C-alpha atoms as a PDB file:
ATOM      1  CA  MET A   1     120.767  64.271 144.548  1.00  0.00           C
ATOM      2  CA  GLY A   2     122.752  61.594 146.315  1.00  0.00           C
ATOM      3  CA  THR A   3     123.464  59.602 143.180  1.00  0.00           C
ATOM      4  CA  GLN A   4     127.085  58.763 142.496  1.00  0.00           C
ATOM      5  CA  LEU A   5     127.903  59.889 138.936  1.00  0.00           C
ATOM      6  CA  PHE A   6     131.616  59.050 138.749  1.00  0.00           C
ATOM      7  CA  THR A   7     134.043  56.266 139.547  1.00  0.00           C
ATOM      8  CA  GLU A   8     137.857  56.251 139.354  1.00  0.00           C
ATOM      9  CA  PHE A   9     140.299  54.730 136.892  1.00  0.00           C
ATOM     10  CA  GLU A  10     143.940  55.215 137.880  1.00  0.00           C
ATOM     11  CA  GLY A  11     142.910  58.014 140.236  1.00  0.00           C
ATOM     12  CA  VAL A  12     141.054  59.909 137.482  1.00  0.00           C
ATOM     13  CA  LYS A  13     137.312  60.666 137.659  1.00  0.00           C
ATOM     14  CA  ILE A  14     135.455  58.680 134.977  1.00  0.00           C
ATOM     15  CA  PRO A  15     131.660  58.755 134.480  1.00  0.00           C
ATOM     16  CA  LEU A  16     129.733  55.652 135.513  1.00  0.00           C
ATOM     17  CA  VAL A  17     127.640  56.204 132.367  1.00  0.00           C
ATOM     18  CA  SER A  18     128.845  57.591 129.029  1.00  0.00           C
ATOM     19  CA  THR A  19     127.143  57.962 125.662  1.00  0.00           C
ATOM     20  CA  GLY A  20     128.412  55.474 123.087  1.00  0.00           C
ATOM     21  CA  VAL A  21     128.986  56.396 119.446  1.00  0.00           C
ATOM     22  CA  SER A  22     128.364  53.068 117.659  1.00  0.00           C
ATOM     23  CA  PRO A  23     124.882  54.131 116.481  1.00  0.00           C
ATOM     24  CA  PHE A  24     126.327  57.403 115.148  1.00  0.00           C
ATOM     25  CA  ALA A  25     128.539  55.324 112.852  1.00  0.00           C
ATOM     26  CA  GLY A  26     125.725  52.958 111.866  1.00  0.00           C
ATOM     27  CA  THR A  27     127.749  49.886 112.852  1.00  0.00           C
ATOM     28  CA  PRO A  28     126.559  46.489 111.561  1.00  0.00           C
ATOM     29  CA  GLN A  29     125.332  45.205 114.943  1.00  0.00           C
ATOM     30  CA  PHE A  30     122.199  47.348 114.464  1.00  0.00           C
ATOM     31  CA  GLY A  31     121.101  45.277 111.471  1.00  0.00           C
ATOM     32  CA  ASP A  32     118.422  46.913 109.321  1.00  0.00           C
ATOM     33  CA  LYS A  33     118.550  50.093 111.408  1.00  0.00           C
ATOM     34  CA  ALA A  34     122.282  50.653 110.848  1.00  0.00           C
ATOM     35  CA  SER A  35     121.821  52.648 107.638  1.00  0.00           C
ATOM     36  CA  ILE A  36     119.030  54.720 109.220  1.00  0.00           C
ATOM     37  CA  TYR A  37     121.273  55.652 112.163  1.00  0.00           C
ATOM     38  CA  LEU A  38     124.191  56.432 109.845  1.00  0.00           C
ATOM     39  CA  GLU A  39     122.007  58.772 107.798  1.00  0.00           C
ATOM     40  CA  LYS A  40     120.576  60.441 110.908  1.00  0.00           C
ATOM     41  CA  PHE A  41     123.775  61.014 112.869  1.00  0.00           C
ATOM     42  CA  PHE A  42     127.097  60.645 111.054  1.00  0.00           C
ATOM     43  CA  ASN A  43     127.314  64.167 109.593  1.00  0.00           C
ATOM     44  CA  ASP A  44     124.947  65.943 111.993  1.00  0.00           C
ATOM     45  CA  ALA A  45     126.557  67.315 115.157  1.00  0.00           C
ATOM     46  CA  ASN A  46     123.201  68.599 116.420  1.00  0.00           C
ATOM     47  CA  ALA A  47     121.591  65.155 116.193  1.00  0.00           C
ATOM     48  CA  MET A  48     124.491  63.746 118.242  1.00  0.00           C
ATOM     49  CA  LEU A  49     124.285  66.644 120.712  1.00  0.00           C
ATOM     50  CA  GLU A  50     120.600  65.985 121.406  1.00  0.00           C
ATOM     51  CA  ILE A  51     121.450  62.438 122.494  1.00  0.00           C
ATOM     52  CA  MET A  52     124.464  63.584 124.547  1.00  0.00           C
ATOM     53  CA  GLU A  53     122.370  66.269 126.288  1.00  0.00           C
ATOM     54  CA  ALA A  54     119.587  63.803 127.096  1.00  0.00           C
ATOM     55  CA  CYS A  55     122.074  61.272 128.468  1.00  0.00           C
ATOM     56  CA  TYR A  56     123.594  64.069 130.572  1.00  0.00           C
ATOM     57  CA  GLU A  57     120.144  64.942 131.961  1.00  0.00           C
ATOM     58  CA  GLY A  58     119.825  61.299 132.996  1.00  0.00           C
ATOM     59  CA  GLY A  59     123.184  61.533 134.809  1.00  0.00           C
ATOM     60  CA  GLY A  60     125.572  60.326 132.107  1.00  0.00           C
ATOM     61  CA  ARG A  61     128.525  62.662 132.449  1.00  0.00           C
ATOM     62  CA  GLY A  62     130.602  61.714 129.425  1.00  0.00           C
ATOM     63  CA  ILE A  63     131.055  60.118 126.048  1.00  0.00           C
ATOM     64  CA  GLY A  64     133.131  57.286 124.662  1.00  0.00           C
ATOM     65  CA  ALA A  65     134.225  59.163 121.548  1.00  0.00           C
ATOM     66  CA  ILE A  66     135.734  57.916 118.304  1.00  0.00           C
ATOM     67  CA  PRO A  67     136.858  60.774 116.027  1.00  0.00           C
ATOM     68  CA  PHE A  68     134.674  60.161 112.947  1.00  0.00           C
ATOM     69  CA  GLY A  69     131.981  62.225 111.243  1.00  0.00           C
ATOM     70  CA  LYS A  70     130.860  65.152 113.390  1.00  0.00           C
ATOM     71  CA  VAL A  71     131.657  63.502 116.740  1.00  0.00           C
ATOM     72  CA  VAL A  72     134.547  65.844 117.620  1.00  0.00           C
ATOM     73  CA  GLU A  73     132.491  68.916 116.752  1.00  0.00           C
ATOM     74  CA  ALA A  74     129.580  67.755 118.938  1.00  0.00           C
ATOM     75  CA  VAL A  75     131.857  66.831 121.852  1.00  0.00           C
ATOM     76  CA  LYS A  76     133.569  70.253 121.778  1.00  0.00           C
ATOM     77  CA  ILE A  77     130.200  71.991 122.111  1.00  0.00           C
ATOM     78  CA  MET A  78     129.191  69.644 124.937  1.00  0.00           C
ATOM     79  CA  LYS A  79     132.449  70.294 126.803  1.00  0.00           C
ATOM     80  CA  GLU A  80     132.097  74.057 126.449  1.00  0.00           C
ATOM     81  CA  THR A  81     128.595  73.993 127.913  1.00  0.00           C
ATOM     82  CA  HIS A  82     129.040  71.353 130.646  1.00  0.00           C
ATOM     83  CA  GLY A  83     131.973  71.844 133.001  1.00  0.00           C
ATOM     84  CA  ASP A  84     131.967  68.290 134.400  1.00  0.00           C
ATOM     85  CA  TYR A  85     131.772  66.470 131.045  1.00  0.00           C
ATOM     86  CA  VAL A  86     134.454  63.789 130.713  1.00  0.00           C
ATOM     87  CA  ILE A  87     135.747  62.315 127.479  1.00  0.00           C
ATOM     88  CA  THR A  88     137.025  58.802 127.076  1.00  0.00           C
ATOM     89  CA  GLY A  89     137.777  57.634 123.570  1.00  0.00           C
ATOM     90  CA  SER A  90     138.992  54.987 121.182  1.00  0.00           C
ATOM     91  CA  THR A  91     141.359  55.230 118.259  1.00  0.00           C
ATOM     92  CA  LEU A  92     139.969  54.854 114.780  1.00  0.00           C
ATOM     93  CA  PRO A  93     139.663  51.267 113.514  1.00  0.00           C
ATOM     94  CA  GLY A  94     141.895  49.768 110.868  1.00  0.00           C
ATOM     95  CA  ASN A  95     145.412  50.507 109.769  1.00  0.00           C
ATOM     96  CA  LEU A  96     145.074  54.246 109.183  1.00  0.00           C
ATOM     97  CA  PRO A  97     148.172  56.446 109.178  1.00  0.00           C
ATOM     98  CA  ASP A  98     146.356  58.761 111.621  1.00  0.00           C
ATOM     99  CA  PRO A  99     144.623  56.765 114.380  1.00  0.00           C
ATOM    100  CA  GLY A 100     142.894  59.891 115.736  1.00  0.00           C
ATOM    101  CA  ILE A 101     144.916  60.168 118.959  1.00  0.00           C
ATOM    102  CA  GLU A 102     145.644  63.877 118.415  1.00  0.00           C
ATOM    103  CA  GLN A 103     141.959  64.669 117.987  1.00  0.00           C
ATOM    104  CA  LEU A 104     141.133  62.857 121.229  1.00  0.00           C
ATOM    105  CA  ILE A 105     143.959  64.639 123.077  1.00  0.00           C
ATOM    106  CA  ASP A 106     142.543  67.904 121.750  1.00  0.00           C
ATOM    107  CA  LEU A 107     139.258  66.962 123.470  1.00  0.00           C
ATOM    108  CA  ASP A 108     141.167  66.341 126.736  1.00  0.00           C
ATOM    109  CA  ALA A 109     140.327  62.613 126.681  1.00  0.00           C
ATOM    110  CA  LYS A 110     141.139  60.975 130.025  1.00  0.00           C
ATOM    111  CA  ILE A 111     141.391  57.446 128.588  1.00  0.00           C
ATOM    112  CA  ILE A 112     142.202  56.404 125.026  1.00  0.00           C
ATOM    113  CA  TYR A 113     141.483  52.805 124.120  1.00  0.00           C
ATOM    114  CA  VAL A 114     143.195  51.125 121.178  1.00  0.00           C
ATOM    115  CA  HIS A 115     140.274  50.165 118.919  1.00  0.00           C
ATOM    116  CA  GLY A 116     139.139  46.554 119.169  1.00  0.00           C
ATOM    117  CA  SER A 117     139.838  45.835 115.498  1.00  0.00           C
ATOM    118  CA  ILE A 118     143.512  46.638 116.172  1.00  0.00           C
ATOM    119  CA  SER A 119     143.778  45.065 119.657  1.00  0.00           C
ATOM    120  CA  ASP A 120     142.449  41.749 118.396  1.00  0.00           C
ATOM    121  CA  GLU A 121     145.318  41.487 115.888  1.00  0.00           C
ATOM    122  CA  LYS A 122     147.779  41.337 118.818  1.00  0.00           C
ATOM    123  CA  SER A 123     150.432  42.956 116.629  1.00  0.00           C
ATOM    124  CA  ASP A 124     153.333  45.313 117.374  1.00  0.00           C
ATOM    125  CA  ARG A 125     151.042  48.171 116.475  1.00  0.00           C
ATOM    126  CA  VAL A 126     149.057  47.581 119.680  1.00  0.00           C
ATOM    127  CA  ASN A 127     152.175  48.185 121.794  1.00  0.00           C
ATOM    128  CA  LYS A 128     153.148  51.238 119.750  1.00  0.00           C
ATOM    129  CA  LEU A 129     149.723  52.842 120.180  1.00  0.00           C
ATOM    130  CA  LEU A 130     149.601  52.047 123.919  1.00  0.00           C
ATOM    131  CA  GLU A 131     153.042  53.631 124.357  1.00  0.00           C
ATOM    132  CA  GLU A 132     152.081  56.675 122.327  1.00  0.00           C
ATOM    133  CA  ILE A 133     148.945  57.213 124.431  1.00  0.00           C
ATOM    134  CA  SER A 134     150.805  56.628 127.693  1.00  0.00           C
ATOM    135  CA  SER A 135     153.652  58.962 126.702  1.00  0.00           C
ATOM    136  CA  ARG A 136     151.117  61.786 126.340  1.00  0.00           C
ATOM    137  CA  GLY A 137     150.028  61.396 129.959  1.00  0.00           C
ATOM    138  CA  ILE A 138     146.719  59.746 129.099  1.00  0.00           C
ATOM    139  CA  ILE A 139     145.463  56.451 130.544  1.00  0.00           C
ATOM    140  CA  PRO A 140     146.097  53.779 127.885  1.00  0.00           C
ATOM    141  CA  GLY A 141     143.495  51.069 127.376  1.00  0.00           C
ATOM    142  CA  LEU A 142     142.477  48.267 125.059  1.00  0.00           C
ATOM    143  CA  ALA A 143     139.050  47.839 123.538  1.00  0.00           C
ATOM    144  CA  VAL A 144     138.428  44.201 122.641  1.00  0.00           C
ATOM    145  CA  HIS A 145     135.977  42.665 120.181  1.00  0.00           C
ATOM    146  CA  ASN A 146     137.351  39.135 120.547  1.00  0.00           C
ATOM    147  CA  PRO A 147     137.406  39.501 124.300  1.00  0.00           C
ATOM    148  CA  ILE A 148     138.719  36.300 125.839  1.00  0.00           C
ATOM    149  CA  SER A 149     141.709  35.689 123.607  1.00  0.00           C
ATOM    150  CA  THR A 150     142.745  39.365 123.511  1.00  0.00           C
ATOM    151  CA  LEU A 151     142.385  39.836 127.294  1.00  0.00           C
ATOM    152  CA  GLU A 152     144.376  36.666 127.975  1.00  0.00           C
ATOM    153  CA  PHE A 153     147.063  37.869 125.562  1.00  0.00           C
ATOM    154  CA  ALA A 154     147.184  41.286 127.268  1.00  0.00           C
ATOM    155  CA  PHE A 155     147.481  39.808 130.761  1.00  0.00           C
ATOM    156  CA  GLU A 156     150.048  37.148 129.824  1.00  0.00           C
ATOM    157  CA  ASN A 157     152.246  39.700 128.067  1.00  0.00           C
ATOM    158  CA  ASN A 158     151.782  42.484 130.631  1.00  0.00           C
ATOM    159  CA  LEU A 159     150.708  44.948 127.961  1.00  0.00           C
ATOM    160  CA  ASN A 160     150.728  48.543 129.121  1.00  0.00           C
ATOM    161  CA  ALA A 161     146.921  48.753 129.193  1.00  0.00           C
ATOM    162  CA  LYS A 162     145.479  50.174 132.410  1.00  0.00           C
ATOM    163  CA  THR A 163     141.848  49.569 131.474  1.00  0.00           C
ATOM    164  CA  PHE A 164     139.798  47.419 129.110  1.00  0.00           C
ATOM    165  CA  LEU A 165     136.617  48.200 127.162  1.00  0.00           C
ATOM    166  CA  VAL A 166     134.769  44.894 126.843  1.00  0.00           C
ATOM    167  CA  PRO A 167     131.498  43.727 125.299  1.00  0.00           C
ATOM    168  CA  PHE A 168     129.375  42.722 128.295  1.00  0.00           C
ATOM    169  CA  ASN A 169     125.649  42.040 128.274  1.00  0.00           C
ATOM    170  CA  ALA A 170     123.067  39.632 129.634  1.00  0.00           C
ATOM    171  CA  GLN A 171     122.639  37.968 126.224  1.00  0.00           C
ATOM    172  CA  GLY A 172     126.329  37.210 125.760  1.00  0.00           C
ATOM    173  CA  MET A 173     126.347  39.093 122.440  1.00  0.00           C
ATOM    174  CA  MET A 174     129.938  39.523 121.180  1.00  0.00           C
ATOM    175  CA  MET A 175     131.276  38.007 124.433  1.00  0.00           C
ATOM    176  CA  ALA A 176     132.555  34.773 122.811  1.00  0.00           C
ATOM    177  CA  ASN A 177     132.098  32.359 125.744  1.00  0.00           C
ATOM    178  CA  GLN A 178     129.904  34.365 128.126  1.00  0.00           C
ATOM    179  CA  GLN A 179     130.634  32.364 131.272  1.00  0.00           C
ATOM    180  CA  LYS A 180     134.372  32.352 130.616  1.00  0.00           C
ATOM    181  CA  LEU A 181     134.456  36.112 130.049  1.00  0.00           C
ATOM    182  CA  GLU A 182     132.451  36.707 133.225  1.00  0.00           C
ATOM    183  CA  GLU A 183     134.948  34.597 135.182  1.00  0.00           C
ATOM    184  CA  LEU A 184     137.918  36.365 133.593  1.00  0.00           C
ATOM    185  CA  VAL A 185     136.537  39.835 134.384  1.00  0.00           C
ATOM    186  CA  ASP A 186     135.387  38.938 137.910  1.00  0.00           C
ATOM    187  CA  SER A 187     138.677  37.278 138.827  1.00  0.00           C
ATOM    188  CA  ARG A 188     140.658  40.506 138.300  1.00  0.00           C
ATOM    189  CA  LYS A 189     139.183  42.793 140.917  1.00  0.00           C
ATOM    190  CA  GLU A 190     142.053  45.279 140.606  1.00  0.00           C
ATOM    191  CA  THR A 191     141.548  45.709 136.846  1.00  0.00           C
ATOM    192  CA  ALA A 192     139.381  48.579 135.582  1.00  0.00           C
ATOM    193  CA  PHE A 193     136.813  47.270 133.105  1.00  0.00           C
ATOM    194  CA  MET A 194     134.381  49.437 131.169  1.00  0.00           C
ATOM    195  CA  ALA A 195     131.504  47.694 129.376  1.00  0.00           C
ATOM    196  CA  MET A 196     130.172  48.317 125.864  1.00  0.00           C
ATOM    197  CA  LYS A 197     127.387  46.582 123.869  1.00  0.00           C
ATOM    198  CA  THR A 198     125.535  46.595 127.186  1.00  0.00           C
ATOM    199  CA  LEU A 199     122.037  46.540 125.667  1.00  0.00           C
ATOM    200  CA  ALA A 200     123.036  44.026 122.944  1.00  0.00           C
ATOM    201  CA  ALA A 201     122.048  46.513 120.209  1.00  0.00           C
ATOM    202  CA  GLY A 202     118.737  47.250 121.936  1.00  0.00           C
ATOM    203  CA  LYS A 203     117.707  43.631 122.480  1.00  0.00           C
ATOM    204  CA  ILE A 204     117.740  43.742 126.308  1.00  0.00           C
ATOM    205  CA  GLU A 205     115.374  45.647 128.557  1.00  0.00           C
ATOM    206  CA  PRO A 206     117.516  48.296 130.331  1.00  0.00           C
ATOM    207  CA  LYS A 207     116.680  47.395 133.947  1.00  0.00           C
ATOM    208  CA  MET A 208     117.662  43.782 133.330  1.00  0.00           C
ATOM    209  CA  ALA A 209     120.740  44.849 131.347  1.00  0.00           C
ATOM    210  CA  TYR A 210     122.238  46.950 134.137  1.00  0.00           C
ATOM    211  CA  GLU A 211     121.251  44.724 137.036  1.00  0.00           C
ATOM    212  CA  TYR A 212     123.230  41.998 135.250  1.00  0.00           C
ATOM    213  CA  ILE A 213     126.248  44.289 134.838  1.00  0.00           C
ATOM    214  CA  ALA A 214     126.056  45.477 138.453  1.00  0.00           C
ATOM    215  CA  ASN A 215     126.662  41.874 139.543  1.00  0.00           C
ATOM    216  CA  HIS A 216     130.050  41.818 137.819  1.00  0.00           C
ATOM    217  CA  ASN A 217     133.410  43.585 138.082  1.00  0.00           C
ATOM    218  CA  ILE A 218     132.466  46.393 135.698  1.00  0.00           C
ATOM    219  CA  ARG A 219     133.263  49.946 136.809  1.00  0.00           C
ATOM    220  CA  ALA A 220     131.537  51.974 134.108  1.00  0.00           C
ATOM    221  CA  VAL A 221     129.428  51.592 130.955  1.00  0.00           C
ATOM    222  CA  VAL A 222     129.229  53.150 127.510  1.00  0.00           C
ATOM    223  CA  ILE A 223     125.713  53.080 126.049  1.00  0.00           C
ATOM    224  CA  GLY A 224     124.761  53.652 122.424  1.00  0.00           C
ATOM    225  CA  MET A 225     121.484  55.584 122.257  1.00  0.00           C
ATOM    226  CA  VAL A 226     119.422  56.856 119.347  1.00  0.00           C
ATOM    227  CA  ASP A 227     116.399  58.555 120.894  1.00  0.00           C
ATOM    228  CA  VAL A 228     116.233  61.449 123.360  1.00  0.00           C
ATOM    229  CA  ASP A 229     113.718  59.944 125.793  1.00  0.00           C
ATOM    230  CA  GLU A 230     115.500  56.595 125.664  1.00  0.00           C
ATOM    231  CA  ALA A 231     118.860  58.261 126.356  1.00  0.00           C
ATOM    232  CA  ARG A 232     117.560  60.058 129.439  1.00  0.00           C
ATOM    233  CA  ASN A 233     115.765  57.006 130.824  1.00  0.00           C
ATOM    234  CA  VAL A 234     118.485  54.461 130.098  1.00  0.00           C
ATOM    235  CA  ALA A 235     121.159  56.669 131.687  1.00  0.00           C
ATOM    236  CA  GLU A 236     119.049  56.934 134.866  1.00  0.00           C
ATOM    237  CA  ILE A 237     118.396  53.180 134.992  1.00  0.00           C
ATOM    238  CA  ALA A 238     122.070  52.339 134.434  1.00  0.00           C
ATOM    239  CA  LEU A 239     123.212  54.835 137.081  1.00  0.00           C
ATOM    240  CA  ASN A 240     120.810  53.459 139.663  1.00  0.00           C
ATOM    241  CA  ALA A 241     121.977  49.907 139.026  1.00  0.00           C
ATOM    242  CA  LEU A 242     125.676  50.780 139.159  1.00  0.00           C
ATOM    243  CA  GLN A 243     125.614  52.540 142.555  1.00  0.00           C
ATOM    244  CA  LYS A 244     128.134  50.753 144.742  1.00  0.00           C
END
């Protein structure tokens, strides 16, 4: 199989396609289905594992983990059974005393992003978390939910973020000003961007979704998936589109 499965961030192998965990948390972007996903996944490591396995079969070699529910348990099993499985992760949202960094380090996470809800506040806490991640020898990154203003802030202030996890999809969902974000991302060729919300909560047909992303300066994607067949197929489609 001549398909490229990995790219590089800061010299470290990172999967082109990773499983996303938003559906496992039943986040609000899924509308009426959010509570169904929460019920199905949050406390069921096996339900998560089925999706992770199917994504792996499609060529997705990792997960963008957030340490809630049974995510850590599922990821540990996946790592034990798949030698090339790579973890990237995000801290827990909000102002918790424990942002979950230790749990992600325990999973051998290669990148830890400061959660978007924290990054967007542009507070001292962002710097503290970036420094803590960096001091542990892990690539520090920022996830952004309010992408343009937080990215501009990070670049202007030279924050110690080596990579950015950005909402990026053909519908412009959660991108603020879609054209402006595209220009911002594409103008920084040296910056490692990873895309989330790539299917706009299931509203975009996968082939179109990843052809759009392949036209921009996005190195890797995290995809939330809720069905085994979908996970396998979407991972394959995304991988094919992202071949450089």
